[in-house]
């Protein structure tokens, strides 16, 4: 089943995929407002939000790469090489550190592992990328069926209620 983020009932426990956070952080022109409104419901505890370390890592990584691209006017594929050559540039990325401070304060529950070997079985059963399979393993651990995401791959998992942002 597929719902809009705005259709998630109050009191629902929802796993939040990284793209929802990134749409908010980057003020995405199409999905930013929908995701921002959803996250306000999470912050007010109207909806209970859950993540795993993989979500937090992906958000942090994309914020870091984007900060390097914006600050040093390079292409995304050049950002990691630049960082490897000059790791001290991280100290100058004040917007990155402001964003990560905000991310740490978000009212979500972090689901901890282990998620393996369940991840292998989930990936094989539903033909999912490894990180998506980790998310499903984390959701199973907390008995979650709702996921907030714009990733249509999760629609293949019949037990999920996939909730997506709208324009």
N, C-alpha and C. Protein backbone atom coordinates (compact mmCIF):
# COMPACT_ATOMS: atom_id res chain seq x y z
N UNK A 1 0.84 -1.18 0.00
CA UNK A 1 0.00 0.00 0.00
C UNK A 1 0.88 1.24 0.00
N UNK A 2 0.43 2.27 -0.67
CA UNK A 2 1.21 3.50 -0.79
C UNK A 2 0.37 4.67 -0.30
N UNK A 3 0.94 5.47 0.58
CA UNK A 3 0.27 6.65 1.14
C UNK A 3 1.14 7.88 0.94
N UNK A 4 0.52 9.04 0.98
CA UNK A 4 1.28 10.29 1.05
C UNK A 4 1.74 10.45 2.50
N UNK A 5 2.85 11.16 2.71
CA UNK A 5 3.32 11.40 4.07
C UNK A 5 2.23 12.06 4.92
N UNK A 6 1.46 12.92 4.31
CA UNK A 6 0.42 13.65 5.06
C UNK A 6 -0.74 12.74 5.49
N UNK A 7 -0.81 11.54 4.93
CA UNK A 7 -1.90 10.61 5.25
C UNK A 7 -1.54 9.64 6.38
N UNK A 8 -0.34 9.74 6.92
CA UNK A 8 0.06 8.83 8.00
C UNK A 8 -0.72 9.21 9.26
N UNK A 9 -1.42 8.25 9.84
CA UNK A 9 -2.23 8.57 11.03
C UNK A 9 -1.36 8.94 12.25
N UNK A 10 -1.87 9.81 13.08
CA UNK A 10 -1.21 10.15 14.34
C UNK A 10 -1.01 8.88 15.15
N UNK A 11 0.10 8.81 15.86
CA UNK A 11 0.40 7.65 16.68
C UNK A 11 1.12 6.53 15.94
N UNK A 12 1.34 6.70 14.65
CA UNK A 12 1.99 5.67 13.85
C UNK A 12 3.49 5.68 14.10
N UNK A 13 4.08 4.50 14.09
CA UNK A 13 5.54 4.33 14.21
C UNK A 13 6.09 4.15 12.81
N UNK A 14 7.01 5.03 12.39
CA UNK A 14 7.46 5.09 10.99
C UNK A 14 8.98 5.06 10.90
N UNK A 15 9.50 4.19 10.05
CA UNK A 15 10.92 4.23 9.71
C UNK A 15 11.12 5.34 8.69
N UNK A 16 12.15 6.17 8.88
CA UNK A 16 12.39 7.31 7.99
C UNK A 16 13.66 7.06 7.19
N UNK A 17 13.52 7.00 5.88
CA UNK A 17 14.65 6.80 4.98
C UNK A 17 15.43 8.11 4.82
N UNK A 18 16.66 7.99 4.39
CA UNK A 18 17.55 9.16 4.29
C UNK A 18 17.02 10.24 3.34
N UNK A 19 16.33 9.85 2.28
CA UNK A 19 15.89 10.86 1.31
C UNK A 19 14.94 11.87 1.93
N UNK A 20 14.19 11.47 2.94
CA UNK A 20 13.26 12.40 3.60
C UNK A 20 14.06 13.49 4.31
N UNK A 21 15.09 13.10 5.06
CA UNK A 21 15.96 14.08 5.72
C UNK A 21 16.64 15.00 4.71
N UNK A 22 17.14 14.41 3.63
CA UNK A 22 17.87 15.21 2.63
C UNK A 22 16.96 16.20 1.93
N UNK A 23 15.73 15.82 1.64
CA UNK A 23 14.79 16.77 1.03
C UNK A 23 14.56 17.97 1.95
N UNK A 24 14.54 17.72 3.26
CA UNK A 24 14.38 18.82 4.21
C UNK A 24 15.64 19.68 4.25
N UNK A 25 16.79 19.04 4.45
CA UNK A 25 18.05 19.79 4.56
C UNK A 25 18.34 20.63 3.32
N UNK A 26 18.03 20.10 2.15
CA UNK A 26 18.34 20.80 0.91
C UNK A 26 17.16 21.63 0.38
N UNK A 27 16.09 21.72 1.17
CA UNK A 27 14.89 22.46 0.75
C UNK A 27 14.51 22.09 -0.68
N UNK A 28 14.36 20.82 -0.91
CA UNK A 28 14.06 20.31 -2.25
C UNK A 28 12.84 21.05 -2.82
N UNK A 29 12.94 21.53 -4.06
CA UNK A 29 11.85 22.34 -4.62
C UNK A 29 10.53 21.59 -4.82
N UNK A 30 10.58 20.28 -4.95
CA UNK A 30 9.36 19.51 -5.17
C UNK A 30 8.88 18.84 -3.87
N UNK A 31 9.79 18.18 -3.15
CA UNK A 31 9.40 17.37 -2.00
C UNK A 31 9.73 17.99 -0.64
N UNK A 32 10.45 19.09 -0.64
CA UNK A 32 10.91 19.69 0.61
C UNK A 32 9.80 20.04 1.58
N UNK A 33 8.75 20.67 1.10
CA UNK A 33 7.67 21.11 1.98
C UNK A 33 6.93 19.91 2.59
N UNK A 34 6.62 18.93 1.77
CA UNK A 34 5.94 17.73 2.25
C UNK A 34 6.76 17.04 3.33
N UNK A 35 8.07 16.92 3.11
CA UNK A 35 8.95 16.26 4.07
C UNK A 35 9.11 17.11 5.33
N UNK A 36 9.19 18.41 5.17
CA UNK A 36 9.30 19.31 6.32
C UNK A 36 8.06 19.18 7.21
N UNK A 37 6.88 19.17 6.60
CA UNK A 37 5.64 19.02 7.36
C UNK A 37 5.58 17.68 8.08
N UNK A 38 6.04 16.64 7.41
CA UNK A 38 6.10 15.32 8.04
C UNK A 38 7.05 15.34 9.24
N UNK A 39 8.23 15.92 9.07
CA UNK A 39 9.22 15.95 10.15
C UNK A 39 8.73 16.79 11.33
N UNK A 40 7.90 17.79 11.08
CA UNK A 40 7.32 18.55 12.19
C UNK A 40 6.43 17.64 13.04
N UNK A 41 5.72 16.72 12.40
CA UNK A 41 4.89 15.76 13.14
C UNK A 41 5.76 14.79 13.95
N UNK A 42 6.91 14.44 13.41
CA UNK A 42 7.84 13.58 14.14
C UNK A 42 8.41 14.35 15.34
N UNK A 43 8.80 15.59 15.11
CA UNK A 43 9.37 16.41 16.19
C UNK A 43 8.37 16.63 17.32
N UNK A 44 7.11 16.74 17.00
CA UNK A 44 6.09 16.97 18.02
C UNK A 44 5.59 15.66 18.65
N UNK A 45 6.16 14.55 18.21
CA UNK A 45 5.80 13.20 18.68
C UNK A 45 4.39 12.78 18.28
N UNK A 46 3.79 13.49 17.31
CA UNK A 46 2.51 13.04 16.76
C UNK A 46 2.72 11.71 16.03
N UNK A 47 3.89 11.59 15.40
CA UNK A 47 4.32 10.36 14.73
C UNK A 47 5.66 9.98 15.35
N UNK A 48 5.87 8.69 15.62
CA UNK A 48 7.15 8.23 16.17
C UNK A 48 8.08 7.84 15.02
N UNK A 49 9.23 8.50 14.97
CA UNK A 49 10.19 8.25 13.91
C UNK A 49 11.30 7.31 14.34
N UNK A 50 11.74 6.47 13.40
CA UNK A 50 12.81 5.51 13.64
C UNK A 50 13.80 5.57 12.48
N UNK A 51 15.06 5.36 12.78
CA UNK A 51 16.13 5.28 11.77
C UNK A 51 17.08 4.17 12.19
N UNK A 52 18.03 3.85 11.31
CA UNK A 52 19.15 3.00 11.68
C UNK A 52 20.44 3.75 11.36
N UNK A 53 21.56 3.18 11.74
CA UNK A 53 22.85 3.84 11.53
C UNK A 53 23.13 4.08 10.04
N UNK A 54 22.58 3.25 9.19
CA UNK A 54 22.81 3.40 7.75
C UNK A 54 22.13 4.66 7.22
N UNK A 55 20.96 4.98 7.74
CA UNK A 55 20.28 6.22 7.35
C UNK A 55 21.11 7.42 7.79
N UNK A 56 21.52 7.41 9.04
CA UNK A 56 22.29 8.54 9.56
C UNK A 56 23.61 8.70 8.82
N UNK A 57 24.26 7.58 8.50
CA UNK A 57 25.51 7.64 7.74
C UNK A 57 25.30 8.22 6.35
N UNK A 58 24.25 7.79 5.67
CA UNK A 58 24.00 8.29 4.32
C UNK A 58 23.69 9.79 4.33
N UNK A 59 22.90 10.22 5.29
CA UNK A 59 22.58 11.65 5.38
C UNK A 59 23.86 12.43 5.66
N UNK A 60 24.65 11.99 6.62
CA UNK A 60 25.90 12.67 6.96
C UNK A 60 26.83 12.72 5.76
N UNK A 61 26.98 11.60 5.06
CA UNK A 61 27.86 11.53 3.90
C UNK A 61 27.42 12.51 2.80
N UNK A 62 26.13 12.52 2.50
CA UNK A 62 25.65 13.41 1.43
C UNK A 62 25.75 14.88 1.84
N UNK A 63 25.52 15.17 3.12
CA UNK A 63 25.71 16.54 3.59
C UNK A 63 27.18 16.95 3.46
N UNK A 64 28.07 16.03 3.79
CA UNK A 64 29.50 16.31 3.69
C UNK A 64 29.93 16.57 2.25
N UNK A 65 29.53 15.68 1.35
CA UNK A 65 29.91 15.84 -0.06
C UNK A 65 29.34 17.14 -0.62
N UNK A 66 28.10 17.44 -0.32
CA UNK A 66 27.48 18.67 -0.81
C UNK A 66 28.17 19.90 -0.25
N UNK A 67 28.56 19.85 1.01
CA UNK A 67 29.27 20.98 1.62
C UNK A 67 30.62 21.21 0.93
N UNK A 68 31.32 20.14 0.61
CA UNK A 68 32.61 20.26 -0.08
C UNK A 68 32.40 20.82 -1.48
N UNK A 69 31.41 20.29 -2.19
CA UNK A 69 31.11 20.77 -3.54
C UNK A 69 30.79 22.27 -3.52
N UNK A 70 29.96 22.69 -2.59
CA UNK A 70 29.55 24.09 -2.52
C UNK A 70 30.69 25.01 -2.07
N UNK A 71 31.50 24.54 -1.15
CA UNK A 71 32.58 25.39 -0.62
C UNK A 71 33.79 25.46 -1.53
N UNK A 72 34.08 24.37 -2.23
CA UNK A 72 35.30 24.30 -3.04
C UNK A 72 35.02 24.25 -4.53
N UNK A 73 33.78 24.42 -4.92
CA UNK A 73 33.38 24.53 -6.32
C UNK A 73 33.96 23.41 -7.17
N UNK A 74 33.77 22.19 -6.68
CA UNK A 74 34.23 21.03 -7.43
C UNK A 74 33.01 20.18 -7.79
N UNK A 75 33.24 19.18 -8.60
CA UNK A 75 32.19 18.24 -8.96
C UNK A 75 32.03 17.21 -7.83
N UNK A 76 30.83 16.65 -7.68
CA UNK A 76 30.64 15.66 -6.61
C UNK A 76 31.65 14.51 -6.65
N UNK A 77 31.99 14.03 -7.85
CA UNK A 77 32.93 12.91 -7.94
C UNK A 77 34.35 13.30 -7.54
N UNK A 78 34.63 14.60 -7.44
CA UNK A 78 35.95 15.08 -7.03
C UNK A 78 36.04 15.35 -5.53
N UNK A 79 34.92 15.41 -4.86
CA UNK A 79 34.89 15.82 -3.45
C UNK A 79 35.67 14.86 -2.55
N UNK A 80 35.50 13.55 -2.75
CA UNK A 80 36.20 12.59 -1.90
C UNK A 80 37.71 12.69 -2.10
N UNK A 81 38.15 12.81 -3.35
CA UNK A 81 39.59 12.95 -3.62
C UNK A 81 40.14 14.21 -2.96
N UNK A 82 39.40 15.29 -3.04
CA UNK A 82 39.82 16.54 -2.41
C UNK A 82 39.94 16.35 -0.90
N UNK A 83 38.98 15.70 -0.31
CA UNK A 83 38.99 15.45 1.13
C UNK A 83 40.16 14.54 1.52
N UNK A 84 40.45 13.54 0.71
CA UNK A 84 41.58 12.64 1.00
C UNK A 84 42.90 13.39 0.95
N UNK A 85 43.02 14.31 -0.01
CA UNK A 85 44.25 15.11 -0.14
C UNK A 85 44.39 16.15 0.97
N UNK A 86 43.26 16.71 1.38
CA UNK A 86 43.28 17.81 2.35
C UNK A 86 42.20 17.60 3.42
N UNK A 87 42.40 16.65 4.31
CA UNK A 87 41.36 16.35 5.29
C UNK A 87 41.02 17.53 6.21
N UNK A 88 41.92 18.47 6.33
CA UNK A 88 41.67 19.63 7.21
C UNK A 88 40.54 20.53 6.69
N UNK A 89 40.12 20.33 5.44
CA UNK A 89 39.03 21.17 4.92
C UNK A 89 37.72 20.94 5.68
N UNK A 90 37.61 19.78 6.33
CA UNK A 90 36.39 19.51 7.09
C UNK A 90 36.16 20.56 8.18
N UNK A 91 37.23 21.06 8.75
CA UNK A 91 37.10 22.05 9.82
C UNK A 91 36.44 23.33 9.34
N UNK A 92 36.54 23.61 8.05
CA UNK A 92 35.99 24.85 7.49
C UNK A 92 34.55 24.73 7.03
N UNK A 93 33.95 23.57 7.15
CA UNK A 93 32.60 23.34 6.63
C UNK A 93 31.56 23.61 7.71
N UNK A 94 31.40 24.86 8.09
CA UNK A 94 30.52 25.21 9.20
C UNK A 94 29.07 24.80 8.95
N UNK A 95 28.61 24.90 7.72
CA UNK A 95 27.22 24.50 7.43
C UNK A 95 27.03 22.99 7.63
N UNK A 96 28.05 22.22 7.31
CA UNK A 96 27.98 20.77 7.56
C UNK A 96 27.80 20.51 9.04
N UNK A 97 28.59 21.15 9.86
CA UNK A 97 28.55 20.90 11.30
C UNK A 97 27.26 21.43 11.91
N UNK A 98 26.73 22.50 11.38
CA UNK A 98 25.44 22.99 11.85
C UNK A 98 24.34 21.97 11.51
N UNK A 99 24.40 21.44 10.30
CA UNK A 99 23.39 20.45 9.87
C UNK A 99 23.49 19.18 10.70
N UNK A 100 24.71 18.72 11.00
CA UNK A 100 24.84 17.50 11.79
C UNK A 100 24.41 17.73 13.24
N UNK A 101 24.61 18.94 13.75
CA UNK A 101 24.09 19.26 15.08
C UNK A 101 22.57 19.13 15.10
N UNK A 102 21.92 19.64 14.05
CA UNK A 102 20.47 19.52 13.94
C UNK A 102 20.04 18.06 13.81
N UNK A 103 20.77 17.30 13.00
CA UNK A 103 20.44 15.90 12.80
C UNK A 103 20.49 15.11 14.11
N UNK A 104 21.46 15.43 14.96
CA UNK A 104 21.59 14.74 16.24
C UNK A 104 20.45 15.08 17.20
N UNK A 105 19.79 16.19 16.98
CA UNK A 105 18.71 16.62 17.86
C UNK A 105 17.32 16.18 17.39
N UNK A 106 17.25 15.56 16.23
CA UNK A 106 15.96 15.13 15.69
C UNK A 106 15.37 14.05 16.60
N UNK A 107 14.10 14.15 16.84
CA UNK A 107 13.38 13.27 17.75
C UNK A 107 13.06 11.92 17.07
N UNK A 108 14.10 11.09 16.91
CA UNK A 108 13.91 9.76 16.32
C UNK A 108 14.61 8.73 17.19
N UNK A 109 14.15 7.51 17.08
CA UNK A 109 14.77 6.38 17.77
C UNK A 109 15.72 5.69 16.80
N UNK A 110 16.96 5.49 17.24
CA UNK A 110 17.96 4.81 16.43
C UNK A 110 17.90 3.32 16.72
N UNK A 111 17.57 2.54 15.71
CA UNK A 111 17.50 1.08 15.84
C UNK A 111 18.91 0.54 15.65
N UNK A 112 19.39 -0.21 16.63
CA UNK A 112 20.74 -0.76 16.54
C UNK A 112 20.69 -2.23 16.15
N UNK A 113 21.77 -2.69 15.53
CA UNK A 113 21.88 -4.05 15.04
C UNK A 113 22.11 -5.04 16.16
N UNK A 114 22.47 -6.26 15.81
CA UNK A 114 22.92 -6.66 14.48
C UNK A 114 21.76 -6.90 13.50
N UNK A 115 22.03 -6.65 12.22
CA UNK A 115 21.04 -6.84 11.18
C UNK A 115 21.41 -7.97 10.22
N UNK A 116 22.58 -8.57 10.44
CA UNK A 116 23.03 -9.66 9.60
C UNK A 116 22.93 -10.94 10.42
N UNK A 117 22.53 -12.07 9.87
CA UNK A 117 22.39 -12.41 8.45
C UNK A 117 21.01 -12.12 7.86
N UNK A 118 20.07 -11.56 8.64
CA UNK A 118 18.74 -11.27 8.11
C UNK A 118 18.80 -10.45 6.83
N UNK A 119 19.75 -9.52 6.78
CA UNK A 119 19.88 -8.64 5.61
C UNK A 119 20.09 -9.44 4.32
N UNK A 120 20.90 -10.48 4.40
CA UNK A 120 21.15 -11.29 3.20
C UNK A 120 19.86 -11.92 2.70
N UNK A 121 19.10 -12.50 3.63
CA UNK A 121 17.84 -13.16 3.24
C UNK A 121 16.83 -12.15 2.68
N UNK A 122 16.74 -11.00 3.30
CA UNK A 122 15.80 -9.96 2.85
C UNK A 122 16.18 -9.47 1.46
N UNK A 123 17.45 -9.22 1.25
CA UNK A 123 17.91 -8.75 -0.06
C UNK A 123 17.57 -9.77 -1.15
N UNK A 124 17.81 -11.03 -0.85
CA UNK A 124 17.54 -12.08 -1.83
C UNK A 124 16.05 -12.25 -2.08
N UNK A 125 15.27 -12.22 -1.00
CA UNK A 125 13.83 -12.45 -1.12
C UNK A 125 13.13 -11.34 -1.91
N UNK A 126 13.51 -10.08 -1.67
CA UNK A 126 12.80 -8.94 -2.25
C UNK A 126 13.60 -8.21 -3.34
N UNK A 127 14.78 -8.77 -3.70
CA UNK A 127 15.62 -8.16 -4.73
C UNK A 127 15.94 -6.70 -4.40
N UNK A 128 16.48 -6.51 -3.18
CA UNK A 128 16.79 -5.16 -2.70
C UNK A 128 18.30 -4.95 -2.62
N UNK A 129 18.71 -3.71 -2.78
CA UNK A 129 20.09 -3.33 -2.52
C UNK A 129 20.39 -3.59 -1.04
N UNK A 130 21.65 -3.76 -0.72
CA UNK A 130 22.03 -4.14 0.64
C UNK A 130 21.55 -3.14 1.69
N UNK A 131 21.72 -1.87 1.46
CA UNK A 131 21.30 -0.89 2.47
C UNK A 131 19.79 -0.91 2.66
N UNK A 132 19.04 -1.06 1.59
CA UNK A 132 17.58 -1.16 1.72
C UNK A 132 17.20 -2.40 2.53
N UNK A 133 17.92 -3.49 2.32
CA UNK A 133 17.65 -4.70 3.08
C UNK A 133 17.97 -4.51 4.56
N UNK A 134 19.03 -3.76 4.86
CA UNK A 134 19.34 -3.44 6.26
C UNK A 134 18.17 -2.68 6.89
N UNK A 135 17.61 -1.72 6.15
CA UNK A 135 16.47 -0.96 6.67
C UNK A 135 15.30 -1.89 7.01
N UNK A 136 15.03 -2.85 6.13
CA UNK A 136 13.93 -3.78 6.38
C UNK A 136 14.25 -4.64 7.62
N UNK A 137 15.50 -5.07 7.76
CA UNK A 137 15.89 -5.85 8.94
C UNK A 137 15.69 -5.03 10.21
N UNK A 138 16.06 -3.75 10.16
CA UNK A 138 15.87 -2.86 11.31
C UNK A 138 14.39 -2.70 11.61
N UNK A 139 13.60 -2.52 10.57
CA UNK A 139 12.15 -2.38 10.76
C UNK A 139 11.56 -3.63 11.38
N UNK A 140 11.99 -4.79 10.92
CA UNK A 140 11.48 -6.05 11.49
C UNK A 140 11.83 -6.15 12.97
N UNK A 141 13.04 -5.71 13.32
CA UNK A 141 13.46 -5.77 14.72
C UNK A 141 12.52 -4.97 15.61
N UNK A 142 12.03 -3.84 15.12
CA UNK A 142 11.12 -2.98 15.89
C UNK A 142 9.65 -3.20 15.53
N UNK A 143 9.39 -4.18 14.68
CA UNK A 143 8.03 -4.50 14.24
C UNK A 143 7.34 -3.29 13.61
N UNK A 144 8.06 -2.63 12.71
CA UNK A 144 7.53 -1.47 11.99
C UNK A 144 7.03 -1.91 10.62
N UNK A 145 5.92 -1.35 10.18
CA UNK A 145 5.42 -1.66 8.83
C UNK A 145 5.34 -0.41 7.96
N UNK A 146 5.44 0.78 8.55
CA UNK A 146 5.39 2.03 7.79
C UNK A 146 6.80 2.53 7.52
N UNK A 147 7.05 2.95 6.28
CA UNK A 147 8.33 3.56 5.93
C UNK A 147 8.06 4.85 5.16
N UNK A 148 8.72 5.93 5.58
CA UNK A 148 8.66 7.21 4.87
C UNK A 148 9.86 7.25 3.93
N UNK A 149 9.59 7.26 2.63
CA UNK A 149 10.66 7.19 1.64
C UNK A 149 10.13 7.62 0.29
N UNK A 150 11.06 7.99 -0.58
CA UNK A 150 10.70 8.23 -1.97
C UNK A 150 11.34 7.17 -2.86
N UNK A 151 11.79 6.10 -2.25
CA UNK A 151 12.44 5.00 -2.96
C UNK A 151 11.38 3.94 -3.30
N UNK A 152 11.08 3.83 -4.57
CA UNK A 152 10.02 2.92 -5.02
C UNK A 152 10.41 1.44 -4.89
N UNK A 153 11.68 1.13 -4.64
CA UNK A 153 12.09 -0.26 -4.46
C UNK A 153 11.36 -0.91 -3.29
N UNK A 154 11.01 -0.11 -2.29
CA UNK A 154 10.33 -0.66 -1.12
C UNK A 154 8.90 -1.12 -1.43
N UNK A 155 8.36 -0.69 -2.55
CA UNK A 155 7.02 -1.14 -2.94
C UNK A 155 6.99 -2.64 -3.22
N UNK A 156 8.15 -3.24 -3.49
CA UNK A 156 8.22 -4.68 -3.74
C UNK A 156 8.00 -5.50 -2.47
N UNK A 157 8.15 -4.87 -1.32
CA UNK A 157 8.02 -5.59 -0.05
C UNK A 157 6.56 -5.51 0.39
N UNK A 158 5.86 -6.60 0.22
CA UNK A 158 4.40 -6.59 0.38
C UNK A 158 3.93 -6.22 1.78
N UNK A 159 4.72 -6.47 2.80
CA UNK A 159 4.29 -6.20 4.17
C UNK A 159 4.42 -4.73 4.56
N UNK A 160 4.96 -3.89 3.68
CA UNK A 160 5.22 -2.49 4.03
C UNK A 160 4.10 -1.55 3.60
N UNK A 161 3.92 -0.51 4.39
CA UNK A 161 3.09 0.64 4.02
C UNK A 161 4.08 1.73 3.61
N UNK A 162 4.26 1.94 2.33
CA UNK A 162 5.23 2.90 1.83
C UNK A 162 4.57 4.29 1.76
N UNK A 163 5.17 5.23 2.46
CA UNK A 163 4.63 6.58 2.55
C UNK A 163 5.61 7.53 1.86
N UNK A 164 5.12 8.26 0.87
CA UNK A 164 6.00 9.06 0.03
C UNK A 164 5.64 10.54 0.10
N UNK A 165 6.65 11.40 -0.16
CA UNK A 165 6.36 12.82 -0.21
C UNK A 165 5.59 13.17 -1.48
N UNK A 166 4.89 14.29 -1.42
CA UNK A 166 4.15 14.76 -2.60
C UNK A 166 4.61 16.17 -2.94
N UNK A 167 4.35 16.54 -4.18
CA UNK A 167 4.76 17.88 -4.62
C UNK A 167 3.69 18.90 -4.25
